[in-house]
């Protein structure tokens, strides 16, 4: 029975604490909330302001500003990732364009070489025509008349002219020339025909 009495005393102490302290505090807080709201005070904002000053509660509760900052950070990170992907794509395009430019530059160099060789051939054409004309003249001359003329020409010109003279006439002209001069020119003609 003594046990039942102590249990009842403990229950009555708990009820007393609940009815005397907890219920009046909750009622006072609710009444203050309503009165302050009617007076135009933003109770929620003020509560967050004071709660943020309490150390362990402030660590666990995040303010709307912090939430905005976190969401802004996430948006910025997403935007940054998208920009980085764009940069990677643009770098790939740049690399492809640079390769294309290099190929086109190589083509330009080749075409310039072709144009230059064509221009050289065009410039050499009149000289070749003159050489051919002179060679035709030597073929029509008597070897005794042609030999002294060839001997007095520069060796390069003599070689060019005699290369275009038929081999029979060339032999007859060589026969009428100084043997040393004829041997030098004949050697150069043979060397140039081997190239």
N, C-alpha and C. Protein backbone atom coordinates (compact mmCIF):
# COMPACT_ATOMS: atom_id res chain seq x y z
N UNK A 1 0.79 -1.18 0.00
CA UNK A 1 0.00 0.00 0.00
C UNK A 1 0.85 1.27 0.00
N UNK A 2 1.95 1.15 0.64
CA UNK A 2 2.86 2.29 0.69
C UNK A 2 3.36 2.60 -0.71
N UNK A 3 3.48 1.52 -1.47
CA UNK A 3 3.93 1.71 -2.84
C UNK A 3 2.88 2.45 -3.64
N UNK A 4 1.64 2.14 -3.45
CA UNK A 4 0.57 2.80 -4.17
C UNK A 4 0.50 4.28 -3.80
N UNK A 5 0.78 4.59 -2.58
CA UNK A 5 0.73 5.97 -2.14
C UNK A 5 1.85 6.77 -2.79
N UNK A 6 3.04 6.18 -2.85
CA UNK A 6 4.16 6.89 -3.47
C UNK A 6 3.92 7.06 -4.96
N UNK A 7 3.28 6.05 -5.60
CA UNK A 7 2.97 6.18 -7.02
C UNK A 7 1.96 7.31 -7.24
N UNK A 8 0.96 7.41 -6.35
CA UNK A 8 -0.04 8.45 -6.47
C UNK A 8 0.58 9.83 -6.22
N UNK A 9 1.52 9.87 -5.26
CA UNK A 9 2.17 11.15 -4.97
C UNK A 9 3.02 11.60 -6.17
N UNK A 10 3.69 10.63 -6.79
CA UNK A 10 4.50 11.00 -7.95
C UNK A 10 3.60 11.44 -9.10
N UNK A 11 2.50 10.75 -9.31
CA UNK A 11 1.58 11.13 -10.37
C UNK A 11 0.98 12.49 -10.08
N UNK A 12 0.65 12.75 -8.85
CA UNK A 12 0.06 14.03 -8.53
C UNK A 12 1.09 15.15 -8.68
N UNK A 13 2.38 14.87 -8.38
CA UNK A 13 3.41 15.88 -8.58
C UNK A 13 3.58 16.18 -10.07
N UNK A 14 3.52 15.17 -10.90
CA UNK A 14 3.63 15.35 -12.34
C UNK A 14 2.44 16.14 -12.86
N UNK A 15 1.25 15.82 -12.40
CA UNK A 15 0.07 16.55 -12.81
C UNK A 15 0.15 18.01 -12.35
N UNK A 16 0.59 18.18 -11.09
CA UNK A 16 0.73 19.53 -10.58
C UNK A 16 1.69 20.34 -11.45
N UNK A 17 2.87 19.74 -11.80
CA UNK A 17 3.86 20.42 -12.64
C UNK A 17 3.26 20.76 -14.00
N UNK A 18 2.53 19.81 -14.57
CA UNK A 18 1.94 20.02 -15.88
C UNK A 18 0.89 21.13 -15.83
N UNK A 19 -0.02 21.08 -14.87
CA UNK A 19 -1.10 22.06 -14.79
C UNK A 19 -0.65 23.42 -14.27
N UNK A 20 0.34 23.47 -13.43
CA UNK A 20 0.75 24.73 -12.83
C UNK A 20 1.83 25.43 -13.67
N UNK A 21 2.71 24.68 -14.31
CA UNK A 21 3.83 25.33 -15.02
C UNK A 21 3.68 25.24 -16.54
N UNK A 22 3.53 24.06 -17.12
CA UNK A 22 3.56 23.87 -18.58
C UNK A 22 2.35 24.55 -19.24
N UNK A 23 1.15 24.26 -18.79
CA UNK A 23 -0.04 24.81 -19.44
C UNK A 23 -0.04 26.33 -19.36
N UNK A 24 0.24 26.96 -18.23
CA UNK A 24 0.26 28.43 -18.22
C UNK A 24 1.35 29.02 -19.14
N UNK A 25 2.52 28.36 -19.23
CA UNK A 25 3.58 28.88 -20.11
C UNK A 25 3.12 28.81 -21.57
N UNK A 26 2.55 27.67 -21.98
CA UNK A 26 2.07 27.53 -23.37
C UNK A 26 0.97 28.56 -23.63
N UNK A 27 0.06 28.75 -22.66
CA UNK A 27 -1.00 29.73 -22.83
C UNK A 27 -0.42 31.15 -22.96
N UNK A 28 0.56 31.48 -22.14
CA UNK A 28 1.15 32.82 -22.17
C UNK A 28 1.88 33.05 -23.50
N UNK A 29 2.58 32.03 -23.99
CA UNK A 29 3.29 32.17 -25.28
C UNK A 29 2.29 32.37 -26.41
N UNK A 30 1.21 31.58 -26.40
CA UNK A 30 0.20 31.70 -27.45
C UNK A 30 -0.47 33.06 -27.40
N UNK A 31 -0.81 33.53 -26.21
CA UNK A 31 -1.44 34.83 -26.06
C UNK A 31 -0.50 35.96 -26.52
N UNK A 32 0.78 35.85 -26.15
CA UNK A 32 1.76 36.86 -26.55
C UNK A 32 1.92 36.85 -28.08
N UNK A 33 1.92 35.69 -28.65
CA UNK A 33 2.05 35.55 -30.12
C UNK A 33 0.90 36.27 -30.82
N UNK A 34 -0.31 36.02 -30.34
CA UNK A 34 -1.49 36.63 -30.96
C UNK A 34 -1.46 38.15 -30.79
N UNK A 35 -1.14 38.62 -29.59
CA UNK A 35 -1.12 40.06 -29.34
C UNK A 35 -0.06 40.75 -30.19
N UNK A 36 1.15 40.17 -30.26
CA UNK A 36 2.22 40.77 -31.06
C UNK A 36 1.89 40.76 -32.54
N UNK A 37 1.23 39.71 -33.00
CA UNK A 37 0.84 39.65 -34.40
C UNK A 37 -0.19 40.73 -34.70
N UNK A 38 -1.13 40.95 -33.79
CA UNK A 38 -2.13 42.00 -33.98
C UNK A 38 -1.51 43.39 -33.94
N UNK A 39 -0.40 43.54 -33.23
CA UNK A 39 0.28 44.83 -33.14
C UNK A 39 1.19 45.08 -34.36
N UNK A 40 1.31 44.08 -35.26
CA UNK A 40 2.09 44.26 -36.49
C UNK A 40 3.53 43.80 -36.38
N UNK A 41 3.85 43.08 -35.37
CA UNK A 41 5.21 42.57 -35.22
C UNK A 41 5.29 41.22 -35.92
N UNK A 42 6.36 41.05 -36.72
CA UNK A 42 6.56 39.75 -37.39
C UNK A 42 7.22 38.83 -36.37
N UNK A 43 6.40 38.04 -35.72
CA UNK A 43 6.86 37.20 -34.62
C UNK A 43 7.81 36.11 -35.12
N UNK A 44 7.53 35.56 -36.30
CA UNK A 44 8.37 34.48 -36.83
C UNK A 44 9.79 34.99 -37.08
N UNK A 45 9.89 36.16 -37.68
CA UNK A 45 11.20 36.75 -37.97
C UNK A 45 11.96 37.06 -36.69
N UNK A 46 11.25 37.63 -35.73
CA UNK A 46 11.89 37.96 -34.45
C UNK A 46 12.33 36.69 -33.72
N UNK A 47 11.52 35.65 -33.81
CA UNK A 47 11.86 34.38 -33.15
C UNK A 47 13.13 33.80 -33.78
N UNK A 48 13.20 33.82 -35.11
CA UNK A 48 14.39 33.30 -35.79
C UNK A 48 15.61 34.12 -35.42
N UNK A 49 15.41 35.42 -35.27
CA UNK A 49 16.52 36.30 -34.91
C UNK A 49 17.09 35.92 -33.54
N UNK A 50 16.20 35.70 -32.57
CA UNK A 50 16.67 35.36 -31.22
C UNK A 50 17.13 33.92 -31.12
N UNK A 51 16.49 33.02 -31.86
CA UNK A 51 16.89 31.60 -31.83
C UNK A 51 18.27 31.44 -32.45
N UNK A 52 18.59 32.25 -33.47
CA UNK A 52 19.89 32.14 -34.12
C UNK A 52 21.02 32.52 -33.17
N UNK A 53 20.71 33.21 -32.10
CA UNK A 53 21.72 33.59 -31.12
C UNK A 53 21.97 32.48 -30.09
N UNK A 54 21.09 31.52 -30.00
CA UNK A 54 21.27 30.40 -29.09
C UNK A 54 22.21 29.40 -29.76
N UNK A 55 23.35 29.06 -29.13
CA UNK A 55 24.41 28.31 -29.82
C UNK A 55 23.99 26.99 -30.45
N UNK A 56 23.46 26.07 -29.73
CA UNK A 56 23.21 24.74 -30.33
C UNK A 56 22.00 24.73 -31.23
N UNK A 57 21.07 25.63 -31.02
CA UNK A 57 19.90 25.71 -31.90
C UNK A 57 20.30 26.36 -33.23
N UNK A 58 21.17 27.37 -33.15
CA UNK A 58 21.60 28.08 -34.36
C UNK A 58 22.35 27.14 -35.30
N UNK A 59 23.09 26.18 -34.77
CA UNK A 59 23.82 25.24 -35.61
C UNK A 59 22.87 24.32 -36.38
N UNK A 60 21.77 23.95 -35.74
CA UNK A 60 20.84 23.00 -36.35
C UNK A 60 19.82 23.67 -37.25
N UNK A 61 19.51 24.92 -36.99
CA UNK A 61 18.50 25.62 -37.79
C UNK A 61 19.20 26.47 -38.84
N UNK A 62 18.69 26.43 -40.05
CA UNK A 62 19.26 27.28 -41.10
C UNK A 62 18.24 28.35 -41.46
N UNK A 63 18.75 29.53 -41.68
CA UNK A 63 17.87 30.66 -41.99
C UNK A 63 17.50 30.62 -43.47
N UNK A 64 16.45 31.36 -43.83
CA UNK A 64 16.06 31.43 -45.25
C UNK A 64 17.19 32.00 -46.11
N UNK A 65 17.98 32.93 -45.53
CA UNK A 65 19.09 33.49 -46.29
C UNK A 65 20.11 32.40 -46.64
N UNK A 66 20.38 31.53 -45.65
CA UNK A 66 21.32 30.43 -45.91
C UNK A 66 20.77 29.49 -46.96
N UNK A 67 19.47 29.24 -46.90
CA UNK A 67 18.85 28.38 -47.91
C UNK A 67 18.97 29.02 -49.29
N UNK A 68 18.74 30.34 -49.38
CA UNK A 68 18.89 31.05 -50.66
C UNK A 68 20.32 30.96 -51.17
N UNK A 69 21.27 31.13 -50.24
CA UNK A 69 22.68 31.05 -50.63
C UNK A 69 23.00 29.65 -51.15
N UNK A 70 22.50 28.63 -50.45
CA UNK A 70 22.75 27.25 -50.89
C UNK A 70 22.14 26.98 -52.27
N UNK A 71 20.92 27.45 -52.47
CA UNK A 71 20.28 27.22 -53.76
C UNK A 71 20.99 28.02 -54.86
N UNK A 72 21.42 29.25 -54.53
CA UNK A 72 22.18 30.04 -55.51
C UNK A 72 23.51 29.36 -55.85
N UNK A 73 24.16 28.80 -54.82
CA UNK A 73 25.42 28.08 -55.07
C UNK A 73 25.21 26.88 -55.98
N UNK A 74 24.11 26.15 -55.75
CA UNK A 74 23.82 25.00 -56.61
C UNK A 74 23.58 25.44 -58.05
N UNK A 75 22.81 26.53 -58.20
CA UNK A 75 22.54 27.05 -59.55
C UNK A 75 23.83 27.51 -60.22
N UNK A 76 24.69 28.18 -59.46
CA UNK A 76 25.96 28.64 -60.02
C UNK A 76 26.87 27.47 -60.40
N UNK A 77 26.87 26.43 -59.57
CA UNK A 77 27.67 25.24 -59.90
C UNK A 77 27.16 24.58 -61.17
N UNK A 78 25.84 24.51 -61.32
CA UNK A 78 25.25 23.93 -62.53
C UNK A 78 25.62 24.77 -63.75
N UNK A 79 25.52 26.09 -63.60
CA UNK A 79 25.88 26.99 -64.70
C UNK A 79 27.36 26.85 -65.04
N UNK A 80 28.20 26.76 -64.02
CA UNK A 80 29.64 26.60 -64.24
C UNK A 80 29.95 25.29 -64.97
N UNK A 81 29.29 24.21 -64.57
CA UNK A 81 29.48 22.94 -65.26
C UNK A 81 29.08 23.04 -66.73
N UNK A 82 27.95 23.71 -66.99
CA UNK A 82 27.50 23.88 -68.37
C UNK A 82 28.51 24.72 -69.16
N UNK A 83 29.04 25.76 -68.55
CA UNK A 83 30.03 26.61 -69.24
C UNK A 83 31.31 25.82 -69.52
N UNK A 84 31.71 24.99 -68.56
CA UNK A 84 32.91 24.17 -68.77
C UNK A 84 32.71 23.20 -69.93
N UNK A 85 31.52 22.62 -70.04
CA UNK A 85 31.22 21.73 -71.17
C UNK A 85 31.27 22.52 -72.48
N UNK A 86 30.73 23.74 -72.47
CA UNK A 86 30.78 24.59 -73.66
C UNK A 86 32.22 24.89 -74.05
N UNK A 87 33.04 25.18 -73.05
CA UNK A 87 34.46 25.47 -73.30
C UNK A 87 35.14 24.26 -73.92
N UNK A 88 34.86 23.07 -73.39
CA UNK A 88 35.46 21.85 -73.95
C UNK A 88 35.06 21.66 -75.40
N UNK A 89 33.77 21.87 -75.70
CA UNK A 89 33.30 21.74 -77.09
C UNK A 89 33.97 22.76 -77.99
N UNK A 90 34.09 23.99 -77.53
CA UNK A 90 34.73 25.04 -78.33
C UNK A 90 36.21 24.75 -78.55
N UNK A 91 36.87 24.18 -77.54
CA UNK A 91 38.29 23.81 -77.71
C UNK A 91 38.44 22.71 -78.75
N UNK A 92 37.51 21.75 -78.75
CA UNK A 92 37.54 20.68 -79.76
C UNK A 92 37.33 21.28 -81.16
N UNK A 93 36.37 22.19 -81.28
CA UNK A 93 36.13 22.85 -82.57
C UNK A 93 37.36 23.65 -83.01
N UNK A 94 37.98 24.33 -82.06
CA UNK A 94 39.19 25.10 -82.37
C UNK A 94 40.30 24.19 -82.88
N UNK A 95 40.46 23.06 -82.24
CA UNK A 95 41.49 22.10 -82.67
C UNK A 95 41.20 21.60 -84.07
N UNK A 96 39.93 21.29 -84.36
CA UNK A 96 39.56 20.82 -85.70
C UNK A 96 39.81 21.92 -86.74
N UNK A 97 39.45 23.14 -86.41
CA UNK A 97 39.66 24.26 -87.34
C UNK A 97 41.15 24.51 -87.56
N UNK A 98 41.95 24.37 -86.50
CA UNK A 98 43.39 24.57 -86.64
C UNK A 98 43.99 23.50 -87.55
N UNK A 99 43.51 22.26 -87.43
CA UNK A 99 43.97 21.19 -88.31
C UNK A 99 43.60 21.50 -89.75
N UNK A 100 42.38 21.98 -89.95
CA UNK A 100 41.92 22.35 -91.29
C UNK A 100 42.77 23.49 -91.86
N UNK A 101 43.09 24.46 -91.02
CA UNK A 101 43.92 25.59 -91.46
C UNK A 101 45.30 25.08 -91.87
N UNK A 102 45.87 24.17 -91.07
CA UNK A 102 47.20 23.63 -91.40
C UNK A 102 47.17 22.91 -92.75
N UNK A 103 46.11 22.12 -92.98
CA UNK A 103 45.99 21.40 -94.25
C UNK A 103 45.88 22.39 -95.42
N UNK A 104 45.07 23.44 -95.23
CA UNK A 104 44.91 24.43 -96.29
C UNK A 104 46.22 25.19 -96.55
N UNK A 105 46.97 25.46 -95.49
CA UNK A 105 48.26 26.13 -95.68
C UNK A 105 49.21 25.24 -96.48
N UNK A 106 49.18 23.93 -96.22
CA UNK A 106 50.02 23.01 -96.99
C UNK A 106 49.60 23.00 -98.46
N UNK A 107 48.29 23.03 -98.70
CA UNK A 107 47.81 23.09 -100.08
C UNK A 107 48.26 24.38 -100.76
N UNK A 108 48.20 25.48 -100.02
CA UNK A 108 48.62 26.76 -100.58
C UNK A 108 50.10 26.71 -100.96
N UNK A 109 50.93 26.12 -100.09
CA UNK A 109 52.36 26.02 -100.39
C UNK A 109 52.57 25.19 -101.65
N UNK A 110 51.85 24.08 -101.77
CA UNK A 110 51.98 23.23 -102.96
C UNK A 110 51.55 23.98 -104.21
N UNK A 111 50.41 24.67 -104.11
CA UNK A 111 49.92 25.43 -105.27
C UNK A 111 50.87 26.56 -105.65
N UNK A 112 51.46 27.21 -104.67
CA UNK A 112 52.43 28.25 -104.96
C UNK A 112 53.64 27.67 -105.68
N UNK A 113 54.06 26.45 -105.27
CA UNK A 113 55.19 25.80 -105.94
C UNK A 113 54.83 25.47 -107.38
N UNK A 114 53.59 25.00 -107.61
CA UNK A 114 53.15 24.69 -108.97
C UNK A 114 53.12 25.95 -109.82
N UNK A 115 52.58 27.04 -109.25
CA UNK A 115 52.51 28.31 -109.98
C UNK A 115 53.92 28.80 -110.30
N UNK A 116 54.81 28.70 -109.33
CA UNK A 116 56.19 29.16 -109.54
C UNK A 116 56.88 28.35 -110.64
N UNK A 117 56.70 27.03 -110.61
CA UNK A 117 57.32 26.20 -111.66
C UNK A 117 56.71 26.50 -113.02
N UNK A 118 55.41 26.78 -113.05
CA UNK A 118 54.76 27.14 -114.31
C UNK A 118 55.31 28.48 -114.83
N UNK A 119 55.50 29.42 -113.91
CA UNK A 119 56.06 30.71 -114.31
C UNK A 119 57.49 30.55 -114.83
N UNK A 120 58.26 29.70 -114.15
CA UNK A 120 59.63 29.46 -114.61
C UNK A 120 59.63 28.81 -115.99
N UNK A 121 58.71 27.88 -116.20
CA UNK A 121 58.61 27.22 -117.50
C UNK A 121 58.22 28.24 -118.57
N UNK A 122 57.30 29.15 -118.22
CA UNK A 122 56.88 30.20 -119.15
C UNK A 122 58.05 31.10 -119.49
N UNK A 123 58.82 31.47 -118.46
CA UNK A 123 59.97 32.33 -118.69
C UNK A 123 61.05 31.62 -119.50
N UNK A 124 61.22 30.33 -119.29
CA UNK A 124 62.25 29.56 -119.99
C UNK A 124 61.81 29.23 -121.42
N UNK A 125 60.52 29.29 -121.67
CA UNK A 125 59.99 28.91 -122.98
C UNK A 125 60.59 29.74 -124.11
N UNK A 126 60.66 31.07 -124.00
CA UNK A 126 61.27 31.83 -125.09
C UNK A 126 62.74 31.44 -125.31
N UNK A 127 63.47 31.19 -124.22
CA UNK A 127 64.86 30.76 -124.36
C UNK A 127 64.93 29.42 -125.07
N UNK A 128 64.02 28.51 -124.70
CA UNK A 128 64.00 27.20 -125.36
C UNK A 128 63.68 27.37 -126.85
N UNK A 129 62.78 28.27 -127.16
CA UNK A 129 62.44 28.50 -128.56
C UNK A 129 63.65 29.05 -129.31
N UNK A 130 64.41 29.93 -128.65
CA UNK A 130 65.60 30.48 -129.28
C UNK A 130 66.65 29.40 -129.49
N UNK A 131 66.80 28.55 -128.48
CA UNK A 131 67.78 27.46 -128.58
C UNK A 131 67.37 26.51 -129.70
N UNK A 132 66.07 26.20 -129.76
CA UNK A 132 65.57 25.29 -130.81
C UNK A 132 65.80 25.92 -132.19
N UNK A 133 65.56 27.20 -132.31
CA UNK A 133 65.76 27.90 -133.59
C UNK A 133 67.24 27.87 -133.98
N UNK A 134 68.12 28.10 -133.00
CA UNK A 134 69.55 28.10 -133.27
C UNK A 134 70.00 26.69 -133.67
N UNK A 135 69.45 25.65 -132.96
CA UNK A 135 69.81 24.27 -133.28
C UNK A 135 69.38 23.94 -134.71
N UNK A 136 68.20 24.41 -135.12
CA UNK A 136 67.73 24.17 -136.48
C UNK A 136 68.67 24.84 -137.49
N UNK A 137 69.15 26.04 -137.12
CA UNK A 137 70.10 26.75 -138.01
C UNK A 137 71.40 25.97 -138.15
N UNK A 138 71.90 25.40 -137.06
CA UNK A 138 73.15 24.64 -137.12
C UNK A 138 72.99 23.36 -137.94
N UNK A 139 71.77 22.77 -137.89
CA UNK A 139 71.54 21.56 -138.67
C UNK A 139 71.59 21.87 -140.17
N UNK A 140 71.19 23.05 -140.53
CA UNK A 140 71.18 23.43 -141.94
C UNK A 140 72.56 23.91 -142.42
N UNK A 141 73.44 24.30 -141.51
CA UNK A 141 74.77 24.78 -141.87
C UNK A 141 75.69 23.59 -142.18
N UNK A 142 76.72 23.91 -142.86
CA UNK A 142 77.78 22.92 -143.09
C UNK A 142 78.54 22.78 -141.78
N UNK A 143 79.01 21.55 -141.46
CA UNK A 143 79.73 21.35 -140.21
C UNK A 143 80.98 22.24 -140.10
N UNK A 144 81.64 22.54 -141.21
CA UNK A 144 82.82 23.38 -141.17
C UNK A 144 82.47 24.82 -140.76
N UNK A 145 81.29 25.27 -141.09
CA UNK A 145 80.85 26.62 -140.73
C UNK A 145 80.34 26.66 -139.29
N UNK A 146 79.65 25.62 -138.86
CA UNK A 146 79.04 25.59 -137.53
C UNK A 146 80.08 25.39 -136.43
N UNK A 147 81.12 24.61 -136.68
CA UNK A 147 82.10 24.26 -135.65
C UNK A 147 82.76 25.49 -135.04
N UNK A 148 83.27 26.47 -135.81
CA UNK A 148 83.91 27.61 -135.17
C UNK A 148 82.93 28.46 -134.36
N UNK A 149 81.69 28.51 -134.80
CA UNK A 149 80.69 29.30 -134.06
C UNK A 149 80.45 28.64 -132.70
N UNK A 150 80.27 27.32 -132.68
CA UNK A 150 80.01 26.59 -131.43
C UNK A 150 81.19 26.73 -130.48
N UNK A 151 82.43 26.69 -131.03
CA UNK A 151 83.62 26.80 -130.19
C UNK A 151 83.69 28.16 -129.50
N UNK A 152 83.19 29.19 -130.13
CA UNK A 152 83.24 30.54 -129.55
C UNK A 152 82.07 30.84 -128.61
N UNK A 153 81.05 29.97 -128.56
CA UNK A 153 79.91 30.15 -127.64
C UNK A 153 80.34 29.77 -126.21
N UNK A 154 79.53 30.23 -125.24
CA UNK A 154 79.77 29.75 -123.86
C UNK A 154 79.45 28.26 -123.85
N UNK A 155 80.11 27.54 -122.98
CA UNK A 155 79.96 26.08 -122.97
C UNK A 155 78.51 25.68 -122.66
N UNK A 156 77.85 26.39 -121.75
CA UNK A 156 76.46 26.05 -121.40
C UNK A 156 75.54 26.23 -122.61
N UNK A 157 75.69 27.33 -123.33
CA UNK A 157 74.84 27.58 -124.49
C UNK A 157 75.15 26.56 -125.59
N UNK A 158 76.41 26.25 -125.78
CA UNK A 158 76.80 25.25 -126.80
C UNK A 158 76.18 23.91 -126.47
N UNK A 159 76.16 23.54 -125.20
CA UNK A 159 75.57 22.25 -124.80
C UNK A 159 74.08 22.25 -125.09
N UNK A 160 73.38 23.34 -124.71
CA UNK A 160 71.93 23.41 -124.95
C UNK A 160 71.62 23.32 -126.44
N UNK A 161 72.38 24.03 -127.26
CA UNK A 161 72.13 24.04 -128.71
C UNK A 161 72.41 22.65 -129.29
N UNK A 162 73.54 22.07 -128.95
CA UNK A 162 73.92 20.78 -129.54
C UNK A 162 73.04 19.63 -129.04
N UNK A 163 72.43 19.77 -127.86
CA UNK A 163 71.49 18.74 -127.40
C UNK A 163 70.27 18.68 -128.31
N UNK A 164 69.94 19.78 -128.94
CA UNK A 164 68.76 19.84 -129.80
C UNK A 164 69.10 19.62 -131.28
N UNK A 165 70.34 19.35 -131.60
CA UNK A 165 70.76 19.05 -132.97
C UNK A 165 70.74 17.54 -133.14
N UNK A 166 70.33 17.08 -134.31
CA UNK A 166 70.29 15.64 -134.57
C UNK A 166 71.69 15.06 -134.36
N UNK A 167 71.77 13.81 -133.90
CA UNK A 167 73.05 13.22 -133.53
C UNK A 167 74.03 13.11 -134.70
N UNK A 168 73.53 12.89 -135.92
CA UNK A 168 74.45 12.81 -137.07
C UNK A 168 75.12 14.16 -137.31
N UNK A 169 74.33 15.23 -137.33
CA UNK A 169 74.89 16.56 -137.56
C UNK A 169 75.80 16.95 -136.40
N UNK A 170 75.40 16.58 -135.17
CA UNK A 170 76.21 16.88 -133.99
C UNK A 170 77.59 16.24 -134.14
N UNK A 171 77.61 15.00 -134.58
CA UNK A 171 78.88 14.29 -134.76
C UNK A 171 79.76 14.98 -135.80
N UNK A 172 79.14 15.44 -136.89
CA UNK A 172 79.92 16.13 -137.93
C UNK A 172 80.49 17.45 -137.41
N UNK A 173 79.68 18.17 -136.58
CA UNK A 173 80.15 19.44 -136.01
C UNK A 173 81.31 19.17 -135.05
N UNK A 174 81.18 18.12 -134.20
CA UNK A 174 82.25 17.76 -133.27
C UNK A 174 83.53 17.43 -134.04
N UNK A 175 83.37 16.79 -135.21
CA UNK A 175 84.54 16.42 -136.02
C UNK A 175 85.30 17.62 -136.52
N UNK A 176 84.65 18.74 -136.69
CA UNK A 176 85.29 19.95 -137.20
C UNK A 176 85.81 20.86 -136.08
N UNK A 177 85.49 20.52 -134.81
CA UNK A 177 85.88 21.37 -133.67
C UNK A 177 87.23 20.96 -133.12
N UNK A 178 87.80 21.83 -132.27
CA UNK A 178 89.01 21.52 -131.51
C UNK A 178 88.68 20.29 -130.66
N UNK A 179 89.53 19.25 -130.67
CA UNK A 179 89.22 18.01 -129.96
C UNK A 179 88.98 18.21 -128.46
N UNK A 180 89.71 19.07 -127.77
CA UNK A 180 89.53 19.28 -126.34
C UNK A 180 88.17 19.94 -126.06
N UNK A 181 87.83 20.93 -126.84
CA UNK A 181 86.54 21.62 -126.67
C UNK A 181 85.41 20.66 -126.98
N UNK A 182 85.54 19.89 -128.07
CA UNK A 182 84.51 18.92 -128.45
C UNK A 182 84.34 17.87 -127.36
N UNK A 183 85.44 17.41 -126.76
CA UNK A 183 85.38 16.39 -125.70
C UNK A 183 84.67 16.95 -124.46
N UNK A 184 84.96 18.19 -124.09
CA UNK A 184 84.31 18.80 -122.91
C UNK A 184 82.82 18.95 -123.11
N UNK A 185 82.41 19.43 -124.29
CA UNK A 185 80.98 19.62 -124.57
C UNK A 185 80.28 18.27 -124.65
N UNK A 186 80.92 17.29 -125.33
CA UNK A 186 80.32 15.96 -125.46
C UNK A 186 80.15 15.32 -124.08
N UNK A 187 81.13 15.48 -123.20
CA UNK A 187 81.03 14.93 -121.84
C UNK A 187 79.87 15.54 -121.06
N UNK A 188 79.70 16.85 -121.19
CA UNK A 188 78.59 17.53 -120.51
C UNK A 188 77.23 17.09 -121.06
N UNK A 189 77.16 16.89 -122.38
CA UNK A 189 75.90 16.42 -122.99
C UNK A 189 75.56 15.04 -122.47
N UNK A 190 76.56 14.18 -122.38
CA UNK A 190 76.32 12.81 -121.88
C UNK A 190 75.89 12.87 -120.40
N UNK A 191 76.54 13.67 -119.60
CA UNK A 191 76.19 13.79 -118.18
C UNK A 191 74.77 14.32 -118.01
N UNK A 192 74.39 15.32 -118.80
CA UNK A 192 73.03 15.89 -118.67
C UNK A 192 71.98 14.93 -119.17
N UNK A 193 72.30 14.08 -120.13
CA UNK A 193 71.30 13.12 -120.62
C UNK A 193 71.12 11.98 -119.62
N UNK A 194 72.08 11.71 -118.79
CA UNK A 194 71.96 10.65 -117.77
C UNK A 194 71.09 11.11 -116.62
N UNK A 195 71.07 12.42 -116.36
CA UNK A 195 70.25 12.95 -115.26
C UNK A 195 68.80 12.83 -115.62
